[in-house]
Amino acid sequence: METSLRSTPEGNRQKLALVADGEEVARLTIEDREMRLGSTWVRMGGVASVRVSPAHRGRGYGRRLMEDTVAYMRREGYLVSILFGIPGFYHRIGYATVLPAKSLIRVRTQAAEALGELSPVREARQADEKALLAIYTEETRGRNGAAKRSESAFLPWRDATEEWFQEPSRILVAEENGQPVAYALGEHGWRSASMWYTRPYEFVAPGIAAATAGSSLIRALVAEAVRQRAEWIDLEMPPDAPMLAVLRSIGFRQEIEYSHNQGGMGRIVDLGGLAVALKETLGERMRSSGLEGSFGKVAFVCDAERAEMEIGAGCTITINLPQENLLQLLMGYRTLGELRLEFPSCVAEQDVAIVDILFPGGHPYMWNLDHF
């Protein structure tokens, strides 16, 4: 049976439908986003709401839709794609897990009362959006996997239908010298038909603000936890957030979940375009690490495809990996040492130390607010 792909624009989204004999059999949405890789923002296609018609399941339409979608994104200029997927399917279309499934910090309410209140804390108000976006941008500087936001991300949300039962997001702001320097953003949702709850707070306190403004924010949350008789305060933050150094003084529980072939998965869409986009980032890493003169080009080889970046003068360093594993390396989700256990010859032995510097392991992260 012949199929075709139908696309329909919808704001910054694209609705794609797989059509067989004039009938829509599967569909999905592409979110047009930008994602951080090193110091570079790259165009990312966020795949969401993948559905196959119940009457047409088991015929391979889901896979056909995804394969056609990757080809569509390549034609449209996307460099990478991210999705949050069910287990055991998307790896067949070249997606691999590149983001942790969860990063949750639990602080005991009683222990948190020992933190200092060094900065004033208040509810966010209109016109704070620019400052809050600047705080988020500072925290995500260089953090692989972070999604680019606009000021609208920090506005109270309401559905276009303005249903009466919807509640706005809640944002607490900590100030220093009269300016917001840290925030805690809480989203609301239904746990059941009768129970309304606040998800773990997105907690962002960059750099030195963690010790002062970050502590003060948690103290504000302590007061609420005491009123609600909650034993724990739940915070969403990356596994290496600056706030953790402060929280070690009072103790905390950290829950990090790494999935396999599910959750936050990604793949490279346009290898050549991605190589061009990463040239500046790799040049910066080369110069800051004193590697100038050590090599001149970096070549990515993925199956039959090859892309090169000319950064300086000298030899060529070649990284030979399947595209999904190369993305894991680029994002820092897996180190070169980890990948060499599976692909021993992916990098020449004499180049291993340089590649380790150019592509260090780390903690890629995308906040739940940015999931699609």
Protein backbone atom coordinates (compact mmCIF):
# COMPACT_ATOMS: atom_id res chain seq x y z
CA MET A 1 0.00 0.00 0.00
CA GLU A 2 1.41 3.40 -0.98
CA THR A 3 1.62 6.11 1.63
CA SER A 4 2.27 9.83 1.62
CA LEU A 5 3.10 12.42 4.27
CA ARG A 6 0.81 15.40 4.76
CA SER A 7 2.04 18.45 6.69
CA THR A 8 -0.03 21.22 8.25
CA PRO A 9 1.59 24.24 9.96
CA GLU A 10 0.27 25.30 13.36
CA GLY A 11 2.25 28.19 14.85
CA ASN A 12 5.72 26.93 15.77
CA ARG A 13 4.47 23.36 15.32
CA GLN A 14 4.04 21.18 12.28
CA LYS A 15 1.34 18.51 12.20
CA LEU A 16 2.37 15.51 10.12
CA ALA A 17 -0.02 12.78 9.04
CA LEU A 18 0.69 9.52 7.23
CA VAL A 19 -1.96 8.92 4.59
CA ALA A 20 -2.67 5.50 3.03
CA ASP A 21 -5.17 5.30 0.16
CA GLY A 22 -6.56 8.70 1.09
CA GLU A 23 -7.06 7.80 4.77
CA GLU A 24 -5.06 9.18 7.68
CA VAL A 25 -3.54 6.22 9.50
CA ALA A 26 -0.96 7.85 11.80
CA ARG A 27 0.05 11.32 12.93
CA LEU A 28 2.44 13.31 15.13
CA THR A 29 3.54 16.84 15.92
CA ILE A 30 6.97 18.43 15.42
CA GLU A 31 7.86 21.21 17.85
CA ASP A 32 10.28 23.69 16.27
CA ARG A 33 12.76 24.35 19.09
CA GLU A 34 16.38 25.25 19.77
CA MET A 35 18.53 23.13 22.06
CA ARG A 36 21.87 23.81 23.67
CA LEU A 37 24.97 21.88 22.58
CA GLY A 38 28.01 23.42 24.24
CA SER A 39 27.95 27.15 23.52
CA THR A 40 25.76 26.62 20.45
CA TRP A 41 22.00 26.64 20.01
CA VAL A 42 21.01 24.07 17.38
CA ARG A 43 17.66 23.68 15.68
CA MET A 44 15.84 20.73 17.22
CA GLY A 45 12.70 18.95 16.11
CA GLY A 46 10.73 17.84 19.13
CA VAL A 47 8.55 14.87 18.20
CA ALA A 48 5.33 14.64 20.22
CA SER A 49 1.85 13.11 20.20
CA VAL A 50 2.71 10.12 18.02
CA ARG A 51 -0.48 8.19 17.29
CA VAL A 52 -1.50 5.32 15.04
CA SER A 53 -5.19 4.80 14.30
CA PRO A 54 -6.47 1.81 16.33
CA ALA A 55 -7.89 0.28 13.16
CA HIS A 56 -4.47 0.34 11.48
CA ARG A 57 -2.10 -0.78 14.20
CA GLY A 58 0.31 -3.65 13.70
CA ARG A 59 0.93 -2.81 10.03
CA GLY A 60 4.18 -0.83 10.38
CA TYR A 61 2.59 2.58 9.98
CA GLY A 62 4.19 3.95 13.12
CA ARG A 63 7.66 3.13 11.88
CA ARG A 64 6.87 4.46 8.40
CA LEU A 65 5.60 7.71 9.91
CA MET A 66 8.77 8.15 11.97
CA GLU A 67 11.08 7.38 9.05
CA ASP A 68 9.22 9.85 6.86
CA THR A 69 9.33 12.40 9.68
CA VAL A 70 13.13 12.17 9.97
CA ALA A 71 13.41 12.69 6.20
CA TYR A 72 11.02 15.65 6.44
CA MET A 73 13.05 17.25 9.25
CA ARG A 74 16.24 16.83 7.22
CA ARG A 75 14.66 18.62 4.25
CA GLU A 76 13.38 21.41 6.52
CA GLY A 77 16.75 22.18 8.11
CA TYR A 78 16.51 20.55 11.54
CA LEU A 79 19.86 19.35 12.89
CA VAL A 80 18.79 17.04 15.72
CA SER A 81 15.55 15.54 17.02
CA ILE A 82 14.42 14.81 20.57
CA LEU A 83 11.40 12.89 21.82
CA PHE A 84 10.16 11.42 25.08
CA GLY A 85 9.28 7.93 24.06
CA ILE A 86 7.76 4.66 25.12
CA PRO A 87 10.17 1.74 25.65
CA GLY A 88 11.36 -0.54 22.91
CA PHE A 89 10.29 1.29 19.75
CA TYR A 90 12.13 4.48 18.85
CA HIS A 91 15.61 2.92 18.88
CA ARG A 92 14.51 1.16 15.69
CA ILE A 93 14.39 4.57 13.97
CA GLY A 94 17.83 5.59 15.22
CA TYR A 95 16.93 7.30 18.50
CA ALA A 96 19.00 6.66 21.62
CA THR A 97 18.56 7.84 25.21
CA VAL A 98 20.43 11.13 25.65
CA LEU A 99 18.72 12.70 28.70
CA PRO A 100 18.06 11.45 32.23
CA ALA A 101 14.44 10.52 32.82
CA LYS A 102 14.33 12.20 36.22
CA SER A 103 16.46 14.37 38.50
CA LEU A 104 14.68 14.99 41.79
CA ILE A 105 16.07 16.43 45.02
CA ARG A 106 14.17 15.77 48.27
CA VAL A 107 15.00 17.92 51.28
CA ARG A 108 13.62 17.09 54.70
CA THR A 109 11.53 20.02 55.89
CA GLN A 110 12.92 19.99 59.41
CA ALA A 111 16.54 19.90 58.20
CA ALA A 112 15.93 22.78 55.78
CA GLU A 113 15.00 25.07 58.68
CA ALA A 114 18.74 25.33 59.38
CA LEU A 115 19.33 27.22 56.13
CA GLY A 116 19.79 30.98 56.33
CA GLU A 117 17.31 33.59 55.13
CA LEU A 118 19.73 36.02 53.54
CA SER A 119 17.67 37.31 50.61
CA PRO A 120 14.12 38.64 50.39
CA VAL A 121 11.65 36.26 48.72
CA ARG A 122 8.40 37.24 47.06
CA GLU A 123 5.87 36.05 44.55
CA ALA A 124 6.80 36.82 40.95
CA ARG A 125 4.93 39.71 39.45
CA GLN A 126 4.28 41.13 36.03
CA ALA A 127 7.44 42.44 34.34
CA ASP A 128 9.67 39.86 36.08
CA GLU A 129 9.71 37.71 32.94
CA LYS A 130 12.86 39.26 31.47
CA ALA A 131 14.84 38.83 34.70
CA LEU A 132 13.64 35.25 35.15
CA LEU A 133 14.60 34.39 31.59
CA ALA A 134 18.08 35.83 32.26
CA ILE A 135 18.42 33.59 35.36
CA TYR A 136 17.42 30.52 33.35
CA THR A 137 19.78 31.47 30.52
CA GLU A 138 22.67 31.87 32.95
CA GLU A 139 22.03 28.45 34.51
CA THR A 140 21.81 26.76 31.12
CA ARG A 141 24.93 28.41 29.69
CA GLY A 142 26.85 25.47 28.27
CA ARG A 143 24.36 22.88 29.60
CA ASN A 144 23.74 20.33 26.86
CA GLY A 145 20.10 19.45 26.26
CA ALA A 146 18.61 22.65 27.67
CA ALA A 147 15.83 24.14 25.56
CA LYS A 148 15.83 27.80 24.59
CA ARG A 149 12.99 29.70 26.23
CA SER A 150 11.26 33.01 25.71
CA GLU A 151 9.83 35.34 28.34
CA SER A 152 6.43 33.72 27.86
CA ALA A 153 7.69 30.62 29.71
CA PHE A 154 7.55 32.67 32.91
CA LEU A 155 4.03 33.98 32.50
CA PRO A 156 1.13 32.40 34.40
CA TRP A 157 -0.38 29.93 31.97
CA ARG A 158 -3.93 29.54 30.93
CA ASP A 159 -5.40 27.51 28.13
CA ALA A 160 -6.81 29.47 25.21
CA THR A 161 -10.25 28.33 26.29
CA GLU A 162 -9.78 30.05 29.70
CA GLU A 163 -11.46 27.21 31.57
CA TRP A 164 -12.44 28.24 35.09
CA PHE A 165 -10.68 25.30 36.76
CA GLN A 166 -7.22 26.11 35.43
CA GLU A 167 -4.70 27.62 37.83
CA PRO A 168 -1.61 29.68 36.95
CA SER A 169 1.90 28.46 37.55
CA ARG A 170 3.40 29.79 40.73
CA ILE A 171 6.85 31.39 40.80
CA LEU A 172 8.77 32.46 43.90
CA VAL A 173 11.61 34.92 43.36
CA ALA A 174 14.63 35.64 45.56
CA GLU A 175 16.24 39.06 45.20
CA GLU A 176 19.64 40.59 45.77
CA ASN A 177 20.10 44.36 45.49
CA GLY A 178 16.48 44.60 44.40
CA GLN A 179 16.93 42.27 41.41
CA PRO A 180 15.70 38.66 40.98
CA VAL A 181 18.65 36.24 41.06
CA ALA A 182 16.94 32.88 41.68
CA TYR A 183 13.49 31.37 41.32
CA ALA A 184 11.35 28.34 42.13
CA LEU A 185 8.63 27.61 39.59
CA GLY A 186 5.77 25.27 40.47
CA GLU A 187 3.35 23.78 37.96
CA HIS A 188 -0.01 22.39 38.97
CA GLY A 189 -1.86 19.31 37.83
CA TRP A 190 -4.36 16.64 38.77
CA ARG A 191 -3.07 13.57 40.60
CA SER A 192 -6.56 12.08 40.49
CA ALA A 193 -10.10 13.21 39.80
CA SER A 194 -10.27 14.78 43.25
CA MET A 195 -6.67 15.69 44.15
CA TRP A 196 -4.94 18.85 42.93
CA TYR A 197 -1.19 19.02 43.49
CA THR A 198 1.96 21.00 42.75
CA ARG A 199 4.70 19.19 40.85
CA PRO A 200 8.28 19.46 42.18
CA TYR A 201 9.47 23.02 41.91
CA GLU A 202 11.80 23.84 39.03
CA PHE A 203 14.58 25.29 41.15
CA VAL A 204 17.15 27.58 39.54
CA ALA A 205 19.81 29.37 41.60
CA PRO A 206 22.92 29.89 39.43
CA GLY A 207 26.44 30.17 40.80
CA ILE A 208 27.05 32.05 44.03
CA ALA A 209 23.33 32.90 44.31
CA ALA A 210 22.78 29.34 45.52
CA ALA A 211 24.23 30.02 48.97
CA THR A 212 22.14 33.11 49.62
CA ALA A 213 19.12 33.42 47.35
CA GLY A 214 18.80 29.65 46.91
CA SER A 215 18.79 29.04 50.65
CA SER A 216 16.23 31.77 51.15
CA LEU A 217 13.93 30.26 48.52
CA ILE A 218 14.02 26.91 50.27
CA ARG A 219 13.25 28.57 53.60
CA ALA A 220 10.17 30.11 51.98
CA LEU A 221 9.12 26.67 50.79
CA VAL A 222 9.75 25.33 54.31
CA ALA A 223 7.11 27.66 55.72
CA GLU A 224 4.56 26.28 53.28
CA ALA A 225 5.61 22.68 53.92
CA VAL A 226 5.13 23.19 57.65
CA ARG A 227 1.62 24.56 57.08
CA GLN A 228 0.79 21.56 54.92
CA ARG A 229 2.49 19.16 57.33
CA ALA A 230 4.74 17.93 54.52
CA GLU A 231 7.82 16.05 55.66
CA TRP A 232 9.74 16.65 52.43
CA ILE A 233 10.25 19.45 49.90
CA ASP A 234 10.64 18.18 46.32
CA LEU A 235 12.81 20.14 43.90
CA GLU A 236 13.58 19.54 40.25
CA MET A 237 17.12 20.50 39.27
CA PRO A 238 19.97 19.03 37.20
CA PRO A 239 22.17 16.38 38.83
CA ASP A 240 25.06 18.85 39.17
CA ALA A 241 23.15 22.03 40.11
CA PRO A 242 25.15 24.55 42.23
CA MET A 243 22.47 24.31 44.94
CA LEU A 244 23.56 20.79 45.80
CA ALA A 245 26.79 22.08 47.35
CA VAL A 246 24.66 24.11 49.77
CA LEU A 247 22.23 21.29 50.51
CA ARG A 248 25.02 18.89 51.48
CA SER A 249 25.33 20.83 54.71
CA ILE A 250 21.85 19.68 55.76
CA GLY A 251 21.54 16.46 53.77
CA PHE A 252 19.17 15.50 50.97
CA ARG A 253 17.99 12.60 48.85
CA GLN A 254 18.82 12.61 45.16
CA GLU A 255 16.88 10.49 42.70
CA ILE A 256 18.31 10.30 39.18
CA GLU A 257 16.77 7.92 36.69
CA TYR A 258 18.57 6.83 33.54
CA SER A 259 16.43 4.91 31.07
CA HIS A 260 17.31 2.59 28.23
CA ASN A 261 15.62 2.90 24.84
CA GLN A 262 12.90 5.13 26.28
CA GLY A 263 12.40 8.52 27.90
CA GLY A 264 14.45 11.45 26.62
CA MET A 265 15.80 10.11 23.32
CA GLY A 266 17.54 11.82 20.42
CA ARG A 267 19.09 11.34 17.04
CA ILE A 268 21.09 13.37 14.55
CA VAL A 269 19.01 14.54 11.60
CA ASP A 270 21.60 16.44 9.52
CA LEU A 271 25.19 15.42 10.25
CA GLY A 272 26.77 17.99 7.94
CA GLY A 273 24.69 20.85 9.29
CA LEU A 274 25.42 19.82 12.87
CA ALA A 275 29.16 19.76 12.18
CA VAL A 276 28.99 23.32 10.84
CA ALA A 277 27.00 24.46 13.89
CA LEU A 278 29.48 22.92 16.36
CA LYS A 279 32.60 24.38 14.76
CA GLU A 280 32.64 27.46 17.01
CA THR A 281 32.09 25.42 20.18
CA LEU A 282 34.94 23.05 19.35
CA GLY A 283 37.19 25.97 18.47
CA GLU A 284 36.52 27.50 21.89
CA ARG A 285 37.28 24.22 23.64
CA MET A 286 40.47 23.80 21.66
CA ARG A 287 41.74 27.25 22.58
CA SER A 288 40.71 27.12 26.24
CA SER A 289 42.39 23.71 26.67
CA GLY A 290 45.67 24.68 25.03
CA LEU A 291 45.20 22.23 22.17
CA GLU A 292 46.02 24.66 19.37
CA GLY A 293 48.38 22.98 16.94
CA SER A 294 47.37 19.49 18.10
CA PHE A 295 44.93 18.97 15.24
CA GLY A 296 43.29 20.82 12.39
CA LYS A 297 40.06 19.00 11.61
CA VAL A 298 37.47 16.87 13.35
CA ALA A 299 35.63 14.36 11.18
CA PHE A 300 32.40 12.60 12.14
CA VAL A 301 31.83 9.29 10.34
CA CYS A 302 28.40 7.72 10.76
CA ASP A 303 27.85 4.64 8.63
CA ALA A 304 28.39 5.86 5.05
CA GLU A 305 28.12 9.56 5.91
CA ARG A 306 31.07 11.83 6.74
CA ALA A 307 31.21 15.46 7.89
CA GLU A 308 34.32 17.51 8.68
CA MET A 309 35.01 20.68 10.66
CA GLU A 310 38.20 22.61 9.91
CA ILE A 311 39.21 24.28 13.17
CA GLY A 312 42.94 24.90 12.78
CA ALA A 313 46.08 23.62 11.13
CA GLY A 314 47.21 20.03 11.52
CA CYS A 315 45.99 16.48 11.33
CA THR A 316 42.43 15.18 11.23
CA ILE A 317 40.82 13.47 14.23
CA THR A 318 38.15 11.00 13.17
CA ILE A 319 35.26 9.81 15.33
CA ASN A 320 33.50 6.80 13.83
CA LEU A 321 30.21 6.02 15.59
CA PRO A 322 26.58 5.33 14.69
CA GLN A 323 24.77 8.67 14.60
CA GLU A 324 22.73 7.98 17.76
CA ASN A 325 25.86 7.12 19.75
CA LEU A 326 27.67 10.14 18.36
CA LEU A 327 24.84 12.32 19.70
CA GLN A 328 25.26 10.67 23.11
CA LEU A 329 28.92 11.72 23.00
CA LEU A 330 28.18 15.26 21.81
CA MET A 331 25.65 15.75 24.61
CA GLY A 332 27.93 14.29 27.27
CA TYR A 333 25.40 11.59 28.14
CA ARG A 334 28.08 8.96 27.55
CA THR A 335 31.82 9.55 27.67
CA LEU A 336 34.26 8.36 25.04
CA GLY A 337 35.56 5.79 27.51
CA GLU A 338 32.07 4.34 27.91
CA LEU A 339 31.47 4.26 24.17
CA ARG A 340 34.83 2.60 23.50
CA LEU A 341 33.69 -0.39 25.53
CA GLU A 342 31.07 -0.91 22.82
CA PHE A 343 33.01 0.55 19.86
CA PRO A 344 36.73 -0.05 20.60
CA SER A 345 37.95 1.42 17.30
CA CYS A 346 35.74 4.53 17.18
CA VAL A 347 38.75 6.80 17.80
CA ALA A 348 42.44 6.18 17.13
CA GLU A 349 44.36 5.50 20.33
CA GLN A 350 46.60 8.56 19.94
CA ASP A 351 43.53 10.81 19.67
CA VAL A 352 41.61 9.56 22.70
CA ALA A 353 42.92 12.20 25.13
CA ILE A 354 42.05 15.05 22.75
CA VAL A 355 38.54 13.75 22.06
CA ASP A 356 37.98 13.42 25.82
CA ILE A 357 38.75 17.13 26.16
CA LEU A 358 36.66 18.19 23.17
CA PHE A 359 33.65 16.12 24.24
CA PRO A 360 33.65 15.78 28.03
CA GLY A 361 31.02 13.78 29.85
CA GLY A 362 28.54 15.73 31.89
CA HIS A 363 24.94 16.10 32.90
CA PRO A 364 22.73 17.00 29.92
CA TYR A 365 19.33 18.10 31.12
CA MET A 366 16.01 19.41 29.85
CA TRP A 367 13.55 20.69 32.44
CA ASN A 368 10.09 19.12 32.60
CA LEU A 369 8.53 22.46 31.69
CA ASP A 370 10.17 22.14 28.26
CA HIS A 371 9.09 18.59 27.53
CA PHE A 372 6.69 18.05 24.66
